[in-house]
Amino acid sequence: MTTQRKVAVVTGAGRGIGRAIAVRLAKDGFAIGCLDFNAGTAKDTVSRITTGGGEALAVKADVAQRDQVFQAYNSLTPAPIYSLARQRASPSPLARTRGRLTEANVNRFT
């Protein structure tokens, strides 16, 4: 039997609400991909998570740049991505995307 690890990607994880979401998901057992345009603050969040016993990786990405989002998301594979959290009131359609982020996946929701 194989156990699938839960991985959450949190944009804006370097500070504020994004950091709080990342830390909370880590406490709930998720491995966290901390995306932020500021690599330093993303690394600070990773440090907080790993100090608490969690698993996290800082990835520098500007979510306004489509290619950076694809690159960041895919750098977190081969672990299937369980959730993509973002700082909006509506749930992310990419939360239903498992595996690699592709143009086809994105185009289903845009």
N, C-alpha and C. Protein backbone atom coordinates (compact mmCIF):
# COMPACT_ATOMS: atom_id res chain seq x y z
N MET A 1 0.84 -1.18 0.00
CA MET A 1 0.00 0.00 0.00
C MET A 1 0.89 1.24 0.00
N THR A 2 0.59 2.18 -0.87
CA THR A 2 1.34 3.42 -0.90
C THR A 2 0.52 4.54 -0.28
N THR A 3 1.19 5.41 0.40
CA THR A 3 0.53 6.56 1.00
C THR A 3 0.84 7.79 0.18
N GLN A 4 -0.19 8.45 -0.27
CA GLN A 4 0.00 9.65 -1.07
C GLN A 4 0.12 10.86 -0.15
N ARG A 5 1.19 11.61 -0.32
CA ARG A 5 1.42 12.80 0.48
C ARG A 5 0.54 13.94 -0.03
N LYS A 6 -0.04 14.69 0.87
CA LYS A 6 -0.85 15.84 0.50
C LYS A 6 0.08 17.04 0.36
N VAL A 7 -0.03 17.73 -0.76
CA VAL A 7 0.79 18.91 -1.02
C VAL A 7 -0.15 20.07 -1.32
N ALA A 8 0.07 21.20 -0.67
CA ALA A 8 -0.70 22.41 -0.94
C ALA A 8 0.25 23.49 -1.45
N VAL A 9 -0.17 24.17 -2.48
CA VAL A 9 0.59 25.31 -3.01
C VAL A 9 -0.14 26.56 -2.54
N VAL A 10 0.59 27.45 -1.87
CA VAL A 10 -0.02 28.67 -1.36
C VAL A 10 0.68 29.86 -1.99
N THR A 11 -0.08 30.66 -2.73
CA THR A 11 0.49 31.86 -3.31
C THR A 11 0.46 32.98 -2.27
N GLY A 12 1.43 33.86 -2.35
CA GLY A 12 1.51 34.94 -1.38
C GLY A 12 1.88 34.42 0.00
N ALA A 13 2.60 33.30 0.04
CA ALA A 13 2.92 32.65 1.31
C ALA A 13 4.00 33.36 2.11
N GLY A 14 4.56 34.42 1.57
CA GLY A 14 5.65 35.11 2.24
C GLY A 14 5.24 35.96 3.43
N ARG A 15 3.96 36.32 3.49
CA ARG A 15 3.53 37.15 4.62
C ARG A 15 2.01 37.19 4.68
N GLY A 16 1.50 37.78 5.73
CA GLY A 16 0.07 38.03 5.88
C GLY A 16 -0.80 36.79 5.83
N ILE A 17 -1.92 36.92 5.12
CA ILE A 17 -2.90 35.84 5.03
C ILE A 17 -2.28 34.61 4.38
N GLY A 18 -1.47 34.81 3.34
CA GLY A 18 -0.84 33.67 2.67
C GLY A 18 0.04 32.88 3.61
N ARG A 19 0.81 33.57 4.43
CA ARG A 19 1.66 32.89 5.42
C ARG A 19 0.79 32.13 6.43
N ALA A 20 -0.26 32.77 6.90
CA ALA A 20 -1.15 32.13 7.88
C ALA A 20 -1.77 30.86 7.29
N ILE A 21 -2.18 30.92 6.03
CA ILE A 21 -2.76 29.75 5.37
C ILE A 21 -1.71 28.64 5.27
N ALA A 22 -0.50 29.00 4.84
CA ALA A 22 0.57 28.00 4.69
C ALA A 22 0.88 27.32 6.02
N VAL A 23 1.01 28.10 7.07
CA VAL A 23 1.33 27.55 8.39
C VAL A 23 0.20 26.64 8.88
N ARG A 24 -1.02 27.06 8.68
CA ARG A 24 -2.17 26.26 9.13
C ARG A 24 -2.26 24.93 8.36
N LEU A 25 -2.09 24.99 7.04
CA LEU A 25 -2.14 23.77 6.26
C LEU A 25 -1.01 22.81 6.65
N ALA A 26 0.15 23.37 6.96
CA ALA A 26 1.27 22.53 7.41
C ALA A 26 0.92 21.83 8.72
N LYS A 27 0.27 22.55 9.63
CA LYS A 27 -0.16 21.94 10.90
C LYS A 27 -1.18 20.84 10.67
N ASP A 28 -1.93 20.96 9.56
CA ASP A 28 -2.92 19.95 9.21
C ASP A 28 -2.32 18.78 8.44
N GLY A 29 -1.00 18.79 8.27
CA GLY A 29 -0.33 17.65 7.66
C GLY A 29 0.06 17.79 6.20
N PHE A 30 -0.18 18.94 5.62
CA PHE A 30 0.19 19.15 4.21
C PHE A 30 1.67 19.52 4.10
N ALA A 31 2.31 19.04 3.05
CA ALA A 31 3.61 19.59 2.64
C ALA A 31 3.26 20.84 1.85
N ILE A 32 4.00 21.92 2.06
CA ILE A 32 3.62 23.22 1.50
C ILE A 32 4.60 23.71 0.46
N GLY A 33 4.08 24.14 -0.67
CA GLY A 33 4.85 24.89 -1.66
C GLY A 33 4.55 26.36 -1.41
N CYS A 34 5.51 27.09 -0.87
CA CYS A 34 5.33 28.49 -0.52
C CYS A 34 5.73 29.37 -1.70
N LEU A 35 4.76 29.84 -2.47
CA LEU A 35 5.05 30.71 -3.61
C LEU A 35 4.94 32.16 -3.19
N ASP A 36 5.92 32.94 -3.59
CA ASP A 36 5.88 34.37 -3.33
C ASP A 36 6.86 35.04 -4.29
N PHE A 37 6.58 36.29 -4.64
CA PHE A 37 7.51 37.02 -5.51
C PHE A 37 8.78 37.41 -4.77
N ASN A 38 8.74 37.34 -3.44
CA ASN A 38 9.89 37.66 -2.61
C ASN A 38 10.45 36.36 -2.02
N ALA A 39 11.56 35.91 -2.56
CA ALA A 39 12.15 34.64 -2.12
C ALA A 39 12.50 34.65 -0.63
N GLY A 40 12.95 35.79 -0.13
CA GLY A 40 13.34 35.89 1.28
C GLY A 40 12.18 35.66 2.23
N THR A 41 11.03 36.27 1.95
CA THR A 41 9.89 36.09 2.84
C THR A 41 9.30 34.68 2.70
N ALA A 42 9.38 34.12 1.50
CA ALA A 42 8.93 32.73 1.31
C ALA A 42 9.80 31.78 2.13
N LYS A 43 11.10 32.04 2.15
CA LYS A 43 12.02 31.21 2.95
C LYS A 43 11.74 31.38 4.44
N ASP A 44 11.36 32.58 4.87
CA ASP A 44 10.99 32.79 6.27
C ASP A 44 9.79 31.93 6.65
N THR A 45 8.80 31.86 5.76
CA THR A 45 7.63 31.02 6.02
C THR A 45 8.03 29.56 6.10
N VAL A 46 8.90 29.12 5.18
CA VAL A 46 9.38 27.74 5.20
C VAL A 46 10.06 27.45 6.53
N SER A 47 10.86 28.38 7.01
CA SER A 47 11.54 28.21 8.29
C SER A 47 10.55 28.03 9.43
N ARG A 48 9.50 28.83 9.44
CA ARG A 48 8.47 28.69 10.48
C ARG A 48 7.82 27.32 10.43
N ILE A 49 7.54 26.86 9.21
CA ILE A 49 6.87 25.57 9.05
C ILE A 49 7.79 24.43 9.47
N THR A 50 9.03 24.46 9.01
CA THR A 50 9.94 23.35 9.31
C THR A 50 10.33 23.33 10.79
N THR A 51 10.42 24.51 11.41
CA THR A 51 10.70 24.57 12.85
C THR A 51 9.58 23.90 13.64
N GLY A 52 8.37 23.99 13.12
CA GLY A 52 7.22 23.35 13.76
C GLY A 52 7.05 21.89 13.39
N GLY A 53 8.01 21.34 12.62
CA GLY A 53 7.94 19.94 12.26
C GLY A 53 7.30 19.65 10.92
N GLY A 54 6.93 20.70 10.19
CA GLY A 54 6.30 20.51 8.89
C GLY A 54 7.32 20.43 7.77
N GLU A 55 6.81 20.24 6.57
CA GLU A 55 7.63 20.14 5.37
C GLU A 55 7.20 21.23 4.40
N ALA A 56 8.17 22.01 3.90
CA ALA A 56 7.83 23.10 3.00
C ALA A 56 9.00 23.43 2.09
N LEU A 57 8.68 24.06 0.97
CA LEU A 57 9.67 24.48 -0.01
C LEU A 57 9.31 25.87 -0.48
N ALA A 58 10.28 26.77 -0.49
CA ALA A 58 10.06 28.13 -0.99
C ALA A 58 10.31 28.16 -2.50
N VAL A 59 9.39 28.76 -3.22
CA VAL A 59 9.52 28.91 -4.66
C VAL A 59 9.21 30.35 -5.02
N LYS A 60 10.19 31.01 -5.64
CA LYS A 60 9.98 32.40 -6.07
C LYS A 60 9.16 32.41 -7.35
N ALA A 61 8.04 33.12 -7.33
CA ALA A 61 7.19 33.22 -8.51
C ALA A 61 6.30 34.45 -8.40
N ASP A 62 6.18 35.16 -9.49
CA ASP A 62 5.25 36.28 -9.61
C ASP A 62 4.00 35.72 -10.29
N VAL A 63 2.90 35.63 -9.55
CA VAL A 63 1.70 35.01 -10.10
C VAL A 63 1.07 35.81 -11.23
N ALA A 64 1.53 37.04 -11.44
CA ALA A 64 1.07 37.82 -12.58
C ALA A 64 1.75 37.38 -13.88
N GLN A 65 2.78 36.55 -13.74
CA GLN A 65 3.52 36.04 -14.90
C GLN A 65 3.18 34.56 -15.10
N ARG A 66 2.37 34.28 -16.09
CA ARG A 66 1.86 32.93 -16.33
C ARG A 66 2.98 31.88 -16.38
N ASP A 67 4.06 32.16 -17.09
CA ASP A 67 5.14 31.18 -17.22
C ASP A 67 5.78 30.88 -15.87
N GLN A 68 5.86 31.87 -14.99
CA GLN A 68 6.44 31.63 -13.66
C GLN A 68 5.53 30.73 -12.82
N VAL A 69 4.23 30.87 -12.98
CA VAL A 69 3.29 30.02 -12.25
C VAL A 69 3.45 28.57 -12.70
N PHE A 70 3.51 28.36 -14.02
CA PHE A 70 3.69 27.00 -14.54
C PHE A 70 4.99 26.41 -14.02
N GLN A 71 6.06 27.17 -14.10
CA GLN A 71 7.37 26.68 -13.68
C GLN A 71 7.37 26.35 -12.18
N ALA A 72 6.81 27.24 -11.38
CA ALA A 72 6.77 27.02 -9.93
C ALA A 72 5.94 25.79 -9.58
N TYR A 73 4.76 25.71 -10.15
CA TYR A 73 3.85 24.60 -9.87
C TYR A 73 4.51 23.28 -10.24
N ASN A 74 5.07 23.23 -11.42
CA ASN A 74 5.68 21.99 -11.90
C ASN A 74 6.98 21.64 -11.19
N SER A 75 7.61 22.62 -10.55
CA SER A 75 8.82 22.32 -9.78
C SER A 75 8.49 21.52 -8.53
N LEU A 76 7.23 21.52 -8.14
CA LEU A 76 6.81 20.81 -6.94
C LEU A 76 6.40 19.37 -7.23
N THR A 77 6.38 18.97 -8.46
CA THR A 77 6.05 17.59 -8.80
C THR A 77 7.30 16.74 -8.62
N PRO A 78 7.24 15.44 -8.48
CA PRO A 78 6.16 14.59 -8.93
C PRO A 78 5.01 14.42 -7.95
N ALA A 79 5.07 15.00 -6.77
CA ALA A 79 3.96 14.87 -5.83
C ALA A 79 2.72 15.53 -6.41
N PRO A 80 1.60 14.82 -6.44
CA PRO A 80 0.37 15.44 -6.95
C PRO A 80 -0.02 16.62 -6.06
N ILE A 81 -0.45 17.68 -6.66
CA ILE A 81 -0.85 18.86 -5.91
C ILE A 81 -2.31 18.70 -5.50
N TYR A 82 -2.55 18.76 -4.21
CA TYR A 82 -3.89 18.57 -3.69
C TYR A 82 -4.71 19.86 -3.75
N SER A 83 -4.07 20.98 -3.52
CA SER A 83 -4.81 22.22 -3.40
C SER A 83 -3.95 23.39 -3.81
N LEU A 84 -4.55 24.36 -4.42
CA LEU A 84 -3.87 25.62 -4.71
C LEU A 84 -4.66 26.69 -3.98
N ALA A 85 -4.09 27.21 -2.92
CA ALA A 85 -4.78 28.24 -2.14
C ALA A 85 -4.36 29.60 -2.65
N ARG A 86 -5.27 30.51 -2.69
CA ARG A 86 -4.92 31.86 -3.10
C ARG A 86 -5.74 32.84 -2.28
N GLN A 87 -5.36 34.06 -2.35
CA GLN A 87 -5.97 35.05 -1.47
C GLN A 87 -7.15 35.72 -2.15
N ARG A 88 -8.20 34.95 -2.37
CA ARG A 88 -9.45 35.46 -2.90
C ARG A 88 -10.59 34.76 -2.17
N ALA A 89 -11.75 35.34 -2.22
CA ALA A 89 -12.87 34.75 -1.51
C ALA A 89 -13.36 33.47 -2.17
N SER A 90 -13.22 33.37 -3.49
CA SER A 90 -13.72 32.18 -4.18
C SER A 90 -12.67 31.08 -4.19
N PRO A 91 -13.11 29.82 -4.16
CA PRO A 91 -12.13 28.72 -4.21
C PRO A 91 -11.44 28.68 -5.57
N SER A 92 -10.22 28.21 -5.57
CA SER A 92 -9.45 28.14 -6.79
C SER A 92 -9.92 26.98 -7.66
N PRO A 93 -10.19 27.22 -8.94
CA PRO A 93 -10.54 26.09 -9.81
C PRO A 93 -9.38 25.12 -9.96
N LEU A 94 -8.16 25.58 -9.74
CA LEU A 94 -7.01 24.70 -9.87
C LEU A 94 -6.90 23.73 -8.70
N ALA A 95 -7.73 23.92 -7.67
CA ALA A 95 -7.73 22.98 -6.56
C ALA A 95 -8.14 21.59 -7.03
N ARG A 96 -8.85 21.53 -8.16
CA ARG A 96 -9.27 20.24 -8.70
C ARG A 96 -8.25 19.67 -9.67
N THR A 97 -7.16 20.37 -9.90
CA THR A 97 -6.13 19.92 -10.83
C THR A 97 -5.13 19.07 -10.08
N ARG A 98 -4.88 17.88 -10.57
CA ARG A 98 -3.90 17.00 -9.95
C ARG A 98 -2.79 16.76 -10.96
N GLY A 99 -1.59 16.65 -10.47
CA GLY A 99 -0.47 16.40 -11.36
C GLY A 99 0.11 17.68 -11.91
N ARG A 100 0.66 17.61 -13.12
CA ARG A 100 1.34 18.76 -13.70
C ARG A 100 0.34 19.80 -14.18
N LEU A 101 0.73 21.04 -14.04
CA LEU A 101 -0.07 22.15 -14.53
C LEU A 101 0.22 22.31 -16.02
N THR A 102 -0.80 22.24 -16.82
CA THR A 102 -0.63 22.35 -18.27
C THR A 102 -1.57 23.41 -18.81
N GLU A 103 -1.32 23.82 -20.04
CA GLU A 103 -2.21 24.78 -20.70
C GLU A 103 -3.63 24.24 -20.73
N ALA A 104 -3.79 22.94 -21.01
CA ALA A 104 -5.11 22.34 -21.07
C ALA A 104 -5.85 22.44 -19.74
N ASN A 105 -5.12 22.19 -18.62
CA ASN A 105 -5.73 22.32 -17.30
C ASN A 105 -6.21 23.75 -17.06
N VAL A 106 -5.35 24.70 -17.37
CA VAL A 106 -5.70 26.11 -17.15
C VAL A 106 -6.84 26.52 -18.05
N ASN A 107 -6.81 26.11 -19.29
CA ASN A 107 -7.84 26.52 -20.25
C ASN A 107 -9.22 25.98 -19.90
N ARG A 108 -9.28 24.89 -19.13
CA ARG A 108 -10.58 24.38 -18.68
C ARG A 108 -11.31 25.38 -17.80
N PHE A 109 -10.56 26.25 -17.14
CA PHE A 109 -11.15 27.15 -16.16
C PHE A 109 -11.14 28.60 -16.57
N THR A 110 -10.54 28.92 -17.71
CA THR A 110 -10.44 30.33 -18.11
C THR A 110 -11.35 30.64 -19.25
